[in-house]
N, C-alpha and C. Protein backbone atom coordinates (compact mmCIF):
# COMPACT_ATOMS: atom_id res chain seq x y z
N ASP A 1 -3.33 -1.23 14.98
CA ASP A 1 -2.86 -1.77 13.71
C ASP A 1 -1.83 -0.86 13.04
N LEU A 2 -1.86 0.43 13.36
CA LEU A 2 -0.93 1.37 12.73
C LEU A 2 0.52 0.99 12.99
N GLN A 3 0.85 0.66 14.23
CA GLN A 3 2.23 0.27 14.55
C GLN A 3 2.62 -1.03 13.84
N ALA A 4 1.67 -1.93 13.68
CA ALA A 4 1.95 -3.18 12.95
C ALA A 4 2.23 -2.87 11.48
N MET A 5 1.49 -1.93 10.89
CA MET A 5 1.74 -1.55 9.50
C MET A 5 3.12 -0.92 9.36
N VAL A 6 3.49 -0.05 10.29
CA VAL A 6 4.80 0.60 10.24
C VAL A 6 5.91 -0.45 10.36
N ALA A 7 5.75 -1.38 11.30
CA ALA A 7 6.76 -2.43 11.48
C ALA A 7 6.90 -3.27 10.22
N THR A 8 5.79 -3.58 9.59
CA THR A 8 5.82 -4.35 8.34
C THR A 8 6.52 -3.57 7.24
N LEU A 9 6.22 -2.29 7.13
CA LEU A 9 6.86 -1.46 6.12
C LEU A 9 8.38 -1.40 6.34
N LEU A 10 8.79 -1.21 7.58
CA LEU A 10 10.22 -1.14 7.88
C LEU A 10 10.94 -2.45 7.56
N LYS A 11 10.25 -3.56 7.80
CA LYS A 11 10.85 -4.88 7.55
C LYS A 11 10.84 -5.25 6.07
N ASP A 12 9.68 -5.09 5.42
CA ASP A 12 9.49 -5.58 4.06
C ASP A 12 9.74 -4.55 2.96
N ARG A 13 9.74 -3.26 3.34
CA ARG A 13 9.94 -2.16 2.41
C ARG A 13 8.72 -1.85 1.54
N VAL A 14 7.65 -2.63 1.66
CA VAL A 14 6.45 -2.39 0.85
C VAL A 14 5.23 -2.90 1.60
N ILE A 15 4.14 -2.13 1.52
CA ILE A 15 2.84 -2.60 1.99
C ILE A 15 1.78 -2.14 0.99
N LEU A 16 0.73 -2.91 0.89
CA LEU A 16 -0.40 -2.57 0.03
C LEU A 16 -1.59 -2.23 0.92
N ILE A 17 -2.32 -1.20 0.55
CA ILE A 17 -3.47 -0.76 1.34
C ILE A 17 -4.63 -0.50 0.38
N SER A 18 -5.83 -0.90 0.80
CA SER A 18 -7.03 -0.55 0.03
C SER A 18 -8.21 -0.40 0.97
N SER A 19 -9.24 0.23 0.45
CA SER A 19 -10.50 0.38 1.17
C SER A 19 -11.58 0.60 0.12
N SER A 20 -12.79 0.21 0.45
CA SER A 20 -13.88 0.47 -0.49
C SER A 20 -14.17 1.97 -0.56
N TYR A 21 -13.66 2.73 0.39
CA TYR A 21 -13.75 4.19 0.39
C TYR A 21 -12.32 4.71 0.25
N ASP A 22 -11.97 5.14 -0.96
CA ASP A 22 -10.59 5.50 -1.29
C ASP A 22 -9.95 6.47 -0.29
N GLU A 23 -10.73 7.41 0.20
CA GLU A 23 -10.19 8.41 1.12
C GLU A 23 -9.60 7.76 2.37
N TYR A 24 -10.24 6.71 2.88
CA TYR A 24 -9.72 6.02 4.07
C TYR A 24 -8.38 5.35 3.77
N ALA A 25 -8.25 4.79 2.60
CA ALA A 25 -6.99 4.15 2.23
C ALA A 25 -5.86 5.18 2.15
N LEU A 26 -6.14 6.32 1.51
CA LEU A 26 -5.13 7.37 1.42
C LEU A 26 -4.77 7.94 2.79
N ASP A 27 -5.79 8.18 3.61
CA ASP A 27 -5.54 8.70 4.96
C ASP A 27 -4.66 7.74 5.76
N THR A 28 -4.96 6.45 5.65
CA THR A 28 -4.18 5.44 6.38
C THR A 28 -2.75 5.40 5.86
N ALA A 29 -2.59 5.49 4.54
CA ALA A 29 -1.24 5.46 3.96
C ALA A 29 -0.40 6.62 4.51
N TRP A 30 -0.98 7.81 4.57
CA TRP A 30 -0.24 8.96 5.11
C TRP A 30 0.03 8.77 6.60
N GLU A 31 -0.91 8.20 7.32
CA GLU A 31 -0.68 7.95 8.75
C GLU A 31 0.49 6.99 8.96
N VAL A 32 0.59 5.97 8.12
CA VAL A 32 1.69 5.01 8.22
C VAL A 32 3.01 5.74 7.98
N ILE A 33 3.05 6.54 6.94
CA ILE A 33 4.27 7.27 6.62
C ILE A 33 4.66 8.22 7.75
N GLU A 34 3.69 8.94 8.28
CA GLU A 34 3.96 9.89 9.37
C GLU A 34 4.37 9.19 10.66
N ALA A 35 3.97 7.95 10.84
CA ALA A 35 4.28 7.21 12.07
C ALA A 35 5.64 6.52 12.01
N MET A 36 6.30 6.57 10.86
CA MET A 36 7.62 5.94 10.76
C MET A 36 8.59 6.68 11.68
N PRO A 37 9.57 5.94 12.23
CA PRO A 37 10.57 6.60 13.08
C PRO A 37 11.29 7.69 12.30
N GLN A 38 11.59 8.79 12.96
CA GLN A 38 12.27 9.90 12.30
C GLN A 38 13.68 9.51 11.88
N SER A 39 14.09 10.03 10.76
CA SER A 39 15.44 9.79 10.26
C SER A 39 15.88 11.04 9.49
N THR A 40 17.09 11.48 9.75
CA THR A 40 17.61 12.64 9.02
C THR A 40 18.04 12.26 7.62
N ASP A 41 18.16 10.96 7.36
CA ASP A 41 18.59 10.46 6.07
C ASP A 41 17.43 9.87 5.28
N ARG A 42 16.25 10.50 5.38
CA ARG A 42 15.07 9.96 4.70
C ARG A 42 14.23 11.12 4.18
N SER A 43 13.74 10.97 2.96
CA SER A 43 12.82 11.96 2.42
C SER A 43 11.50 11.27 2.06
N TYR A 44 10.49 12.06 1.79
CA TYR A 44 9.14 11.54 1.58
C TYR A 44 8.57 12.14 0.31
N GLY A 45 7.70 11.37 -0.33
CA GLY A 45 7.06 11.87 -1.53
C GLY A 45 5.89 11.01 -1.92
N SER A 46 5.26 11.40 -3.01
CA SER A 46 4.14 10.61 -3.53
C SER A 46 4.23 10.57 -5.04
N LEU A 47 3.65 9.52 -5.58
CA LEU A 47 3.64 9.33 -7.02
C LEU A 47 2.31 8.70 -7.38
N ALA A 48 1.63 9.30 -8.34
CA ALA A 48 0.35 8.77 -8.79
C ALA A 48 0.46 8.32 -10.24
N PHE A 49 -0.35 7.34 -10.58
CA PHE A 49 -0.37 6.85 -11.96
C PHE A 49 -0.60 8.01 -12.93
N GLU A 50 -1.46 8.95 -12.55
CA GLU A 50 -1.79 10.07 -13.41
C GLU A 50 -0.55 10.91 -13.73
N HIS A 51 0.43 10.95 -12.82
CA HIS A 51 1.66 11.71 -13.06
C HIS A 51 2.50 11.07 -14.15
N ALA A 52 2.40 9.75 -14.30
CA ALA A 52 3.21 9.02 -15.27
C ALA A 52 2.47 8.79 -16.58
N ALA A 53 1.14 8.71 -16.53
CA ALA A 53 0.35 8.38 -17.71
C ALA A 53 0.54 9.43 -18.80
N GLY A 54 0.76 8.97 -20.01
CA GLY A 54 0.88 9.85 -21.16
C GLY A 54 2.20 10.58 -21.25
N LYS A 55 3.12 10.31 -20.34
CA LYS A 55 4.42 10.99 -20.36
C LYS A 55 5.56 10.04 -20.73
N GLY A 56 5.20 8.85 -21.16
CA GLY A 56 6.21 7.88 -21.56
C GLY A 56 7.02 7.35 -20.39
N VAL A 57 6.50 7.49 -19.18
CA VAL A 57 7.20 7.01 -17.99
C VAL A 57 6.67 5.62 -17.65
N ASP A 58 7.57 4.68 -17.43
CA ASP A 58 7.17 3.33 -17.05
C ASP A 58 6.83 3.34 -15.56
N PHE A 59 5.59 3.09 -15.23
CA PHE A 59 5.09 3.12 -13.86
C PHE A 59 5.24 1.73 -13.27
N SER A 60 6.42 1.44 -12.71
CA SER A 60 6.67 0.13 -12.14
C SER A 60 7.70 0.23 -11.02
N PRO A 61 7.65 -0.72 -10.07
CA PRO A 61 8.66 -0.72 -9.00
C PRO A 61 10.08 -0.89 -9.55
N GLU A 62 10.23 -1.69 -10.59
CA GLU A 62 11.54 -1.93 -11.17
C GLU A 62 12.16 -0.63 -11.68
N LYS A 63 11.35 0.18 -12.37
CA LYS A 63 11.85 1.45 -12.90
C LYS A 63 12.18 2.42 -11.76
N LEU A 64 11.39 2.41 -10.72
CA LEU A 64 11.70 3.27 -9.57
C LEU A 64 13.06 2.90 -8.99
N CYS A 65 13.30 1.60 -8.87
CA CYS A 65 14.59 1.14 -8.32
C CYS A 65 15.74 1.49 -9.25
N GLU A 66 15.54 1.31 -10.55
CA GLU A 66 16.60 1.58 -11.52
C GLU A 66 16.98 3.06 -11.55
N GLN A 67 16.01 3.94 -11.31
CA GLN A 67 16.24 5.37 -11.43
C GLN A 67 16.89 5.99 -10.19
N ARG A 68 17.10 5.19 -9.17
CA ARG A 68 17.69 5.72 -7.93
C ARG A 68 19.21 5.71 -8.02
N PRO A 69 19.84 6.86 -7.97
CA PRO A 69 21.31 6.90 -7.97
C PRO A 69 21.87 6.31 -6.68
N GLU A 70 23.01 5.66 -6.78
CA GLU A 70 23.65 5.09 -5.59
C GLU A 70 24.05 6.22 -4.65
N GLY A 71 23.98 5.92 -3.35
CA GLY A 71 24.37 6.90 -2.35
C GLY A 71 23.27 7.87 -1.96
N GLU A 72 22.14 7.83 -2.66
CA GLU A 72 21.01 8.71 -2.30
C GLU A 72 20.46 8.31 -0.95
N SER A 73 19.80 9.24 -0.29
CA SER A 73 19.17 8.92 0.99
C SER A 73 17.93 8.08 0.76
N GLU A 74 17.44 7.50 1.85
CA GLU A 74 16.21 6.71 1.76
C GLU A 74 15.05 7.60 1.35
N ILE A 75 14.09 7.00 0.66
CA ILE A 75 12.89 7.73 0.31
C ILE A 75 11.68 6.84 0.56
N VAL A 76 10.66 7.44 1.14
CA VAL A 76 9.39 6.76 1.38
C VAL A 76 8.40 7.36 0.39
N LEU A 77 7.84 6.51 -0.46
CA LEU A 77 6.89 6.97 -1.48
C LEU A 77 5.51 6.41 -1.24
N LEU A 78 4.53 7.28 -1.28
CA LEU A 78 3.15 6.84 -1.33
C LEU A 78 2.83 6.69 -2.81
N ILE A 79 2.46 5.49 -3.21
CA ILE A 79 2.13 5.22 -4.61
C ILE A 79 0.62 5.14 -4.74
N ASP A 80 0.05 6.07 -5.49
CA ASP A 80 -1.39 6.10 -5.75
C ASP A 80 -1.65 5.24 -6.98
N ALA A 81 -2.09 4.00 -6.75
CA ALA A 81 -2.37 3.07 -7.84
C ALA A 81 -3.86 2.76 -7.90
N PHE A 82 -4.69 3.76 -7.64
CA PHE A 82 -6.15 3.57 -7.69
C PHE A 82 -6.65 3.30 -9.10
N ASP A 83 -6.09 3.98 -10.07
CA ASP A 83 -6.53 3.84 -11.45
C ASP A 83 -6.37 2.39 -11.89
N SER A 84 -7.37 1.85 -12.57
CA SER A 84 -7.32 0.44 -12.98
C SER A 84 -6.14 0.17 -13.90
N GLN A 85 -5.67 1.17 -14.64
CA GLN A 85 -4.50 0.98 -15.50
C GLN A 85 -3.22 0.88 -14.68
N ALA A 86 -3.28 1.29 -13.42
CA ALA A 86 -2.11 1.22 -12.54
C ALA A 86 -1.97 -0.15 -11.88
N ASN A 87 -2.90 -1.06 -12.13
CA ASN A 87 -2.84 -2.39 -11.52
C ASN A 87 -1.55 -3.13 -11.88
N SER A 88 -0.98 -2.80 -13.02
CA SER A 88 0.26 -3.46 -13.43
C SER A 88 1.40 -3.16 -12.46
N PHE A 89 1.35 -2.01 -11.79
CA PHE A 89 2.39 -1.67 -10.81
C PHE A 89 2.43 -2.72 -9.71
N THR A 90 1.26 -3.02 -9.15
CA THR A 90 1.18 -4.00 -8.07
C THR A 90 1.39 -5.41 -8.61
N SER A 91 0.80 -5.70 -9.75
CA SER A 91 0.91 -7.05 -10.33
C SER A 91 2.36 -7.46 -10.58
N SER A 92 3.21 -6.48 -10.86
CA SER A 92 4.61 -6.82 -11.14
C SER A 92 5.33 -7.35 -9.91
N MET A 93 4.78 -7.11 -8.72
CA MET A 93 5.40 -7.62 -7.49
C MET A 93 4.75 -8.92 -7.03
N LEU A 94 3.58 -9.24 -7.57
CA LEU A 94 2.86 -10.44 -7.15
C LEU A 94 3.34 -11.66 -7.94
N GLY A 95 3.08 -12.80 -7.41
CA GLY A 95 3.45 -14.05 -8.08
C GLY A 95 4.07 -14.99 -7.08
N HIS A 96 4.95 -15.81 -7.55
CA HIS A 96 5.59 -16.77 -6.66
C HIS A 96 6.47 -16.03 -5.65
N SER A 97 6.80 -16.72 -4.57
CA SER A 97 7.50 -16.08 -3.46
C SER A 97 8.86 -15.53 -3.87
N ALA A 98 9.51 -16.11 -4.84
CA ALA A 98 10.81 -15.60 -5.29
C ALA A 98 10.66 -14.21 -5.90
N ARG A 99 9.57 -13.98 -6.62
CA ARG A 99 9.33 -12.66 -7.22
C ARG A 99 9.09 -11.63 -6.12
N VAL A 100 8.30 -12.00 -5.12
CA VAL A 100 8.01 -11.09 -4.01
C VAL A 100 9.30 -10.75 -3.26
N GLU A 101 10.08 -11.77 -2.94
CA GLU A 101 11.33 -11.54 -2.22
C GLU A 101 12.32 -10.74 -3.06
N GLY A 102 12.32 -10.97 -4.35
CA GLY A 102 13.19 -10.20 -5.25
C GLY A 102 12.80 -8.72 -5.26
N ALA A 103 11.50 -8.45 -5.29
CA ALA A 103 11.03 -7.07 -5.27
C ALA A 103 11.42 -6.39 -3.97
N LYS A 104 11.28 -7.10 -2.85
CA LYS A 104 11.66 -6.53 -1.55
C LYS A 104 13.15 -6.23 -1.50
N GLN A 105 13.97 -7.14 -2.03
CA GLN A 105 15.42 -6.93 -2.03
C GLN A 105 15.81 -5.75 -2.90
N ASN A 106 15.16 -5.62 -4.06
CA ASN A 106 15.43 -4.47 -4.94
C ASN A 106 15.10 -3.16 -4.24
N LEU A 107 13.99 -3.14 -3.51
CA LEU A 107 13.61 -1.93 -2.78
C LEU A 107 14.64 -1.62 -1.70
N LYS A 108 15.09 -2.65 -1.01
CA LYS A 108 16.09 -2.45 0.04
C LYS A 108 17.39 -1.91 -0.56
N ASN A 109 17.84 -2.53 -1.64
CA ASN A 109 19.07 -2.09 -2.30
C ASN A 109 18.97 -0.65 -2.81
N SER A 110 17.77 -0.25 -3.20
CA SER A 110 17.54 1.09 -3.73
C SER A 110 17.16 2.11 -2.66
N LYS A 111 17.10 1.65 -1.40
CA LYS A 111 16.73 2.50 -0.27
C LYS A 111 15.34 3.12 -0.46
N LEU A 112 14.41 2.30 -0.93
CA LEU A 112 13.03 2.73 -1.15
C LEU A 112 12.08 2.02 -0.21
N PHE A 113 11.10 2.75 0.27
CA PHE A 113 9.95 2.20 0.98
C PHE A 113 8.73 2.59 0.16
N LEU A 114 7.84 1.64 -0.11
CA LEU A 114 6.64 1.92 -0.89
C LEU A 114 5.38 1.62 -0.08
N VAL A 115 4.53 2.61 0.02
CA VAL A 115 3.19 2.43 0.59
C VAL A 115 2.26 2.55 -0.61
N VAL A 116 1.75 1.42 -1.07
CA VAL A 116 0.99 1.37 -2.32
C VAL A 116 -0.50 1.29 -2.01
N VAL A 117 -1.23 2.29 -2.46
CA VAL A 117 -2.68 2.32 -2.28
C VAL A 117 -3.29 1.79 -3.56
N VAL A 118 -3.94 0.62 -3.45
CA VAL A 118 -4.47 -0.06 -4.63
C VAL A 118 -5.99 0.06 -4.69
N ASN A 119 -6.48 -0.09 -5.88
CA ASN A 119 -7.90 -0.10 -6.16
C ASN A 119 -8.54 -1.27 -5.40
N HIS A 120 -9.62 -1.01 -4.68
CA HIS A 120 -10.26 -2.04 -3.86
C HIS A 120 -10.78 -3.20 -4.72
N GLN A 121 -11.31 -2.89 -5.89
CA GLN A 121 -11.81 -3.94 -6.77
C GLN A 121 -10.66 -4.86 -7.19
N TYR A 122 -9.51 -4.28 -7.51
CA TYR A 122 -8.33 -5.07 -7.88
C TYR A 122 -7.92 -5.97 -6.72
N ALA A 123 -7.86 -5.41 -5.51
CA ALA A 123 -7.46 -6.18 -4.32
C ALA A 123 -8.42 -7.35 -4.09
N THR A 124 -9.71 -7.12 -4.34
CA THR A 124 -10.71 -8.16 -4.17
C THR A 124 -10.54 -9.24 -5.24
N GLU A 125 -10.36 -8.82 -6.50
CA GLU A 125 -10.19 -9.78 -7.59
C GLU A 125 -8.94 -10.64 -7.40
N LYS A 126 -7.87 -10.04 -6.93
CA LYS A 126 -6.60 -10.76 -6.71
C LYS A 126 -6.59 -11.50 -5.38
N GLN A 127 -7.65 -11.31 -4.60
CA GLN A 127 -7.78 -11.95 -3.28
C GLN A 127 -6.54 -11.68 -2.42
N LEU A 128 -6.15 -10.42 -2.37
CA LEU A 128 -4.95 -10.05 -1.62
C LEU A 128 -5.08 -10.34 -0.13
N SER A 129 -6.30 -10.36 0.36
CA SER A 129 -6.48 -10.62 1.80
C SER A 129 -6.37 -12.11 2.14
N GLN A 130 -6.35 -12.97 1.13
CA GLN A 130 -6.25 -14.42 1.36
C GLN A 130 -4.80 -14.82 1.51
N THR A 131 -4.41 -15.30 2.68
CA THR A 131 -3.01 -15.64 2.93
C THR A 131 -2.59 -16.96 2.30
N LYS A 132 -3.52 -17.67 1.68
CA LYS A 132 -3.16 -18.96 1.08
C LYS A 132 -2.41 -18.79 -0.25
N HIS A 133 -2.42 -17.59 -0.80
CA HIS A 133 -1.76 -17.37 -2.08
C HIS A 133 -0.25 -17.35 -1.91
N SER A 134 0.45 -17.62 -2.99
CA SER A 134 1.91 -17.70 -2.94
C SER A 134 2.54 -16.35 -2.66
N TYR A 135 1.80 -15.25 -2.87
CA TYR A 135 2.36 -13.93 -2.60
C TYR A 135 1.95 -13.41 -1.23
N GLU A 136 1.66 -14.36 -0.31
CA GLU A 136 1.23 -13.95 1.02
C GLU A 136 2.29 -13.16 1.76
N SER A 137 3.54 -13.24 1.35
CA SER A 137 4.58 -12.49 2.05
C SER A 137 4.58 -11.01 1.66
N LEU A 138 3.69 -10.61 0.77
CA LEU A 138 3.50 -9.20 0.45
C LEU A 138 2.34 -8.70 1.29
N SER A 139 2.61 -7.82 2.22
CA SER A 139 1.61 -7.41 3.21
C SER A 139 0.52 -6.55 2.60
N TYR A 140 -0.70 -6.91 2.91
CA TYR A 140 -1.88 -6.20 2.42
C TYR A 140 -2.75 -5.84 3.61
N TRP A 141 -3.23 -4.62 3.62
CA TRP A 141 -4.11 -4.14 4.69
C TRP A 141 -5.38 -3.58 4.07
N HIS A 142 -6.50 -4.17 4.46
CA HIS A 142 -7.80 -3.67 4.04
C HIS A 142 -8.32 -2.75 5.14
N ILE A 143 -8.65 -1.53 4.77
CA ILE A 143 -9.18 -0.56 5.72
C ILE A 143 -10.69 -0.57 5.59
N PRO A 144 -11.41 -0.98 6.64
CA PRO A 144 -12.86 -1.07 6.55
C PRO A 144 -13.50 0.30 6.39
N PHE A 145 -14.66 0.30 5.77
CA PHE A 145 -15.39 1.55 5.57
C PHE A 145 -16.37 1.82 6.70
N LEU A 146 -17.17 0.83 7.04
CA LEU A 146 -18.27 1.07 7.98
C LEU A 146 -17.83 1.50 9.37
N GLU A 147 -16.86 0.80 9.94
CA GLU A 147 -16.47 1.08 11.32
C GLU A 147 -16.01 2.52 11.50
N PRO A 148 -15.05 3.00 10.69
CA PRO A 148 -14.63 4.40 10.87
C PRO A 148 -15.75 5.40 10.59
N PHE A 149 -16.60 5.08 9.60
CA PHE A 149 -17.70 5.97 9.28
C PHE A 149 -18.65 6.11 10.46
N PHE A 150 -19.02 4.96 11.03
CA PHE A 150 -19.94 4.99 12.17
C PHE A 150 -19.31 5.63 13.39
N GLN A 151 -18.05 5.36 13.63
CA GLN A 151 -17.39 5.95 14.79
C GLN A 151 -17.32 7.47 14.67
N ARG A 152 -17.21 7.94 13.45
CA ARG A 152 -17.10 9.38 13.23
C ARG A 152 -18.46 10.08 13.34
N TRP A 153 -19.52 9.45 12.87
CA TRP A 153 -20.80 10.14 12.74
C TRP A 153 -21.89 9.68 13.70
N PHE A 154 -21.77 8.51 14.30
CA PHE A 154 -22.84 7.99 15.14
C PHE A 154 -22.31 7.51 16.49
N ASP A 155 -23.07 7.77 17.52
CA ASP A 155 -22.72 7.29 18.85
C ASP A 155 -23.27 5.88 19.10
N ASP A 156 -24.23 5.47 18.29
CA ASP A 156 -24.92 4.20 18.50
C ASP A 156 -24.09 3.05 17.90
N HIS A 157 -23.30 2.40 18.74
CA HIS A 157 -22.46 1.30 18.26
C HIS A 157 -23.27 0.02 18.08
N GLU A 158 -24.47 -0.03 18.67
CA GLU A 158 -25.33 -1.19 18.49
C GLU A 158 -25.82 -1.29 17.06
N LEU A 159 -26.05 -0.14 16.43
CA LEU A 159 -26.47 -0.13 15.04
C LEU A 159 -25.39 -0.74 14.15
N LEU A 160 -24.14 -0.41 14.40
CA LEU A 160 -23.04 -0.99 13.64
C LEU A 160 -23.00 -2.51 13.83
N ALA A 161 -23.16 -2.96 15.06
CA ALA A 161 -23.14 -4.40 15.34
C ALA A 161 -24.27 -5.10 14.58
N LYS A 162 -25.44 -4.48 14.52
CA LYS A 162 -26.56 -5.05 13.78
C LYS A 162 -26.26 -5.14 12.28
N LEU A 163 -25.65 -4.08 11.74
CA LEU A 163 -25.31 -4.09 10.32
C LEU A 163 -24.27 -5.16 10.00
N VAL A 164 -23.27 -5.28 10.84
CA VAL A 164 -22.24 -6.30 10.64
C VAL A 164 -22.86 -7.69 10.68
N LYS A 165 -23.77 -7.89 11.62
CA LYS A 165 -24.45 -9.19 11.74
C LYS A 165 -25.28 -9.47 10.49
N GLN A 166 -25.99 -8.45 9.98
CA GLN A 166 -26.79 -8.62 8.77
C GLN A 166 -25.91 -8.97 7.57
N ARG A 167 -24.78 -8.30 7.44
CA ARG A 167 -23.89 -8.55 6.31
C ARG A 167 -23.33 -9.96 6.36
N ALA A 168 -23.09 -10.48 7.57
CA ALA A 168 -22.56 -11.83 7.72
C ALA A 168 -23.60 -12.83 7.31
């Protein structure tokens, strides 16, 4: 799935990631960024809601695009939008397909790539995993908690299968 996420990011300029275990979402976001093809004309960074909160900075994709001087190199940003007050960052890109496509075009024009890590509760409430919504063209990746946890700590894969069956 990592290569699929990278391909989506390169094409759309933005992907959303969440997990019920925040650390997995952040780890995956960094893995996506690190797996991007190398470019001498690209820089990397991160931005968290906490960095903008209380400093009079508008935490939105539009402001990020507006603040980019023309001729600057590409930048890949990991956006930490875990804080519930940061939901407006993601919400500003959601809506009808024209809004989504407009956001993607603005990112392309500004030479920005955004890997946005969103609050899992927000992703669930907005039903980001449901492709029937009008904003289905905004890629969302849910990183499961149980599978990686079990693979890391337990050799017994039958136990995981039993748990998955029980949850279903």
